[in-house]
Amino acid sequence: MWFLAIRSFMAAVNCPTPALWITLAAIPTNALLAYLLITGQFGLPQLGLFGAGLATGLVNSATFLAGIWFVTQYRPFRDYQVLRSLWQFD
């Protein structure tokens, strides 16, 4: 859900390319990690359906962190200072 907000911000700034690449990297990563955690390959525990949920949660967290990294480090996103007043009440 949080990555959706960052992706919408990137689209509003008219630069959706980083969100596209993050999403394209996340899809096969999620599939591979879910397969490994469901079946227990390469020494990982066999977790079944819980492994699929765990993999999806981890990949969604990683996409959010990647989006935050792009928004705070690269232009034109950096100019908006998205996280500047995160702890201040409006």
C-alpha atoms as a PDB file:
ATOM      1  CA  MET A   1       0.000   0.000   0.000  1.00  0.00           C
ATOM      2  CA  TRP A   2       2.819   2.412   0.834  1.00  0.00           C
ATOM      3  CA  PHE A   3       4.620   1.641  -2.420  1.00  0.00           C
ATOM      4  CA  LEU A   4       1.396   2.475  -4.259  1.00  0.00           C
ATOM      5  CA  ALA A   5       1.557   5.987  -2.794  1.00  0.00           C
ATOM      6  CA  ILE A   6       5.203   6.361  -3.818  1.00  0.00           C
ATOM      7  CA  ARG A   7       4.441   5.017  -7.298  1.00  0.00           C
ATOM      8  CA  SER A   8       1.600   7.525  -7.665  1.00  0.00           C
ATOM      9  CA  PHE A   9       3.918  10.322  -6.545  1.00  0.00           C
ATOM     10  CA  MET A  10       6.483   9.284  -9.164  1.00  0.00           C
ATOM     11  CA  ALA A  11       3.776   9.289 -11.825  1.00  0.00           C
ATOM     12  CA  ALA A  12       2.545  12.720 -10.716  1.00  0.00           C
ATOM     13  CA  VAL A  13       6.065  14.091 -11.086  1.00  0.00           C
ATOM     14  CA  ASN A  14       5.977  12.625 -14.616  1.00  0.00           C
ATOM     15  CA  CYS A  15       8.834  10.184 -14.010  1.00  0.00           C
ATOM     16  CA  PRO A  16       7.349   6.684 -13.505  1.00  0.00           C
ATOM     17  CA  THR A  17      10.403   4.794 -14.793  1.00  0.00           C
ATOM     18  CA  PRO A  18      11.922   3.924 -11.380  1.00  0.00           C
ATOM     19  CA  ALA A  19       8.591   2.530 -10.180  1.00  0.00           C
ATOM     20  CA  LEU A  20       8.373   0.422 -13.326  1.00  0.00           C
ATOM     21  CA  TRP A  21      11.829  -1.091 -12.784  1.00  0.00           C
ATOM     22  CA  ILE A  22      11.174  -1.703  -9.105  1.00  0.00           C
ATOM     23  CA  THR A  23       7.941  -3.511  -9.959  1.00  0.00           C
ATOM     24  CA  LEU A  24       9.553  -5.520 -12.757  1.00  0.00           C
ATOM     25  CA  ALA A  25      12.293  -6.650 -10.370  1.00  0.00           C
ATOM     26  CA  ALA A  26       9.817  -7.478  -7.607  1.00  0.00           C
ATOM     27  CA  ILE A  27       7.650  -9.879  -9.622  1.00  0.00           C
ATOM     28  CA  PRO A  28      10.274 -12.569 -10.375  1.00  0.00           C
ATOM     29  CA  THR A  29      11.880 -12.034  -6.955  1.00  0.00           C
ATOM     30  CA  ASN A  30       8.552 -12.721  -5.278  1.00  0.00           C
ATOM     31  CA  ALA A  31       7.920 -15.795  -7.419  1.00  0.00           C
ATOM     32  CA  LEU A  32      11.363 -17.254  -6.738  1.00  0.00           C
ATOM     33  CA  LEU A  33      11.336 -16.523  -3.016  1.00  0.00           C
ATOM     34  CA  ALA A  34       7.801 -17.881  -2.636  1.00  0.00           C
ATOM     35  CA  TYR A  35       8.765 -21.082  -4.456  1.00  0.00           C
ATOM     36  CA  LEU A  36      11.843 -21.521  -2.284  1.00  0.00           C
ATOM     37  CA  LEU A  37       9.951 -20.922   0.951  1.00  0.00           C
ATOM     38  CA  ILE A  38       6.953 -23.059  -0.019  1.00  0.00           C
ATOM     39  CA  THR A  39       8.991 -26.082  -1.052  1.00  0.00           C
ATOM     40  CA  GLY A  40      11.993 -25.648   1.240  1.00  0.00           C
ATOM     41  CA  GLN A  41      14.720 -25.657  -1.403  1.00  0.00           C
ATOM     42  CA  PHE A  42      18.408 -24.766  -0.811  1.00  0.00           C
ATOM     43  CA  GLY A  43      18.277 -25.365   2.922  1.00  0.00           C
ATOM     44  CA  LEU A  44      15.369 -23.036   3.590  1.00  0.00           C
ATOM     45  CA  PRO A  45      12.565 -24.361   5.789  1.00  0.00           C
ATOM     46  CA  GLN A  46       9.485 -25.784   4.082  1.00  0.00           C
ATOM     47  CA  LEU A  47       6.794 -23.320   5.164  1.00  0.00           C
ATOM     48  CA  GLY A  48       3.964 -23.986   2.733  1.00  0.00           C
ATOM     49  CA  LEU A  49       1.343 -21.258   2.472  1.00  0.00           C
ATOM     50  CA  PHE A  50       2.960 -19.278   5.280  1.00  0.00           C
ATOM     51  CA  GLY A  51       6.140 -19.141   3.166  1.00  0.00           C
ATOM     52  CA  ALA A  52       4.223 -17.604   0.279  1.00  0.00           C
ATOM     53  CA  GLY A  53       2.843 -14.914   2.557  1.00  0.00           C
ATOM     54  CA  LEU A  54       6.237 -14.319   4.107  1.00  0.00           C
ATOM     55  CA  ALA A  55       7.858 -13.962   0.689  1.00  0.00           C
ATOM     56  CA  THR A  56       5.193 -11.511  -0.454  1.00  0.00           C
ATOM     57  CA  GLY A  57       5.541  -9.447   2.700  1.00  0.00           C
ATOM     58  CA  LEU A  58       9.315  -9.303   2.391  1.00  0.00           C
ATOM     59  CA  VAL A  59       9.202  -8.322  -1.274  1.00  0.00           C
ATOM     60  CA  ASN A  60       6.542  -5.660  -0.629  1.00  0.00           C
ATOM     61  CA  SER A  61       8.697  -4.195   2.141  1.00  0.00           C
ATOM     62  CA  ALA A  62      11.702  -4.192  -0.180  1.00  0.00           C
ATOM     63  CA  THR A  63       9.756  -2.404  -2.937  1.00  0.00           C
ATOM     64  CA  PHE A  64       8.685   0.252  -0.443  1.00  0.00           C
ATOM     65  CA  LEU A  65      12.255   0.783   0.750  1.00  0.00           C
ATOM     66  CA  ALA A  66      13.516   0.956  -2.838  1.00  0.00           C
ATOM     67  CA  GLY A  67      10.844   3.536  -3.649  1.00  0.00           C
ATOM     68  CA  ILE A  68      11.762   5.617  -0.601  1.00  0.00           C
ATOM     69  CA  TRP A  69      15.407   5.423  -1.608  1.00  0.00           C
ATOM     70  CA  PHE A  70      14.664   6.696  -5.130  1.00  0.00           C
ATOM     71  CA  VAL A  71      12.404   9.482  -3.851  1.00  0.00           C
ATOM     72  CA  THR A  72      14.989  10.772  -1.398  1.00  0.00           C
ATOM     73  CA  GLN A  73      18.120  10.395  -3.526  1.00  0.00           C
ATOM     74  CA  TYR A  74      17.348  11.248  -7.161  1.00  0.00           C
ATOM     75  CA  ARG A  75      16.105  14.228  -9.043  1.00  0.00           C
ATOM     76  CA  PRO A  76      13.409  15.364  -9.709  1.00  0.00           C
ATOM     77  CA  PHE A  77      11.978  13.624  -6.628  1.00  0.00           C
ATOM     78  CA  ARG A  78      14.564  14.983  -4.202  1.00  0.00           C
ATOM     79  CA  ASP A  79      13.436  18.547  -4.886  1.00  0.00           C
ATOM     80  CA  TYR A  80      10.045  17.817  -3.286  1.00  0.00           C
ATOM     81  CA  GLN A  81      11.587  16.724   0.053  1.00  0.00           C
ATOM     82  CA  VAL A  82       8.928  14.105   0.661  1.00  0.00           C
ATOM     83  CA  LEU A  83      10.096  12.966   4.107  1.00  0.00           C
ATOM     84  CA  ARG A  84      11.159  16.388   5.396  1.00  0.00           C
ATOM     85  CA  SER A  85       8.234  16.929   7.776  1.00  0.00           C
ATOM     86  CA  LEU A  86       7.368  13.308   8.494  1.00  0.00           C
ATOM     87  CA  TRP A  87       7.304  13.756  12.284  1.00  0.00           C
ATOM     88  CA  GLN A  88       5.443  17.080  12.326  1.00  0.00           C
ATOM     89  CA  PHE A  89       1.700  17.220  12.769  1.00  0.00           C
ATOM     90  CA  ASP A  90      -0.307  19.194  10.224  1.00  0.00           C
END
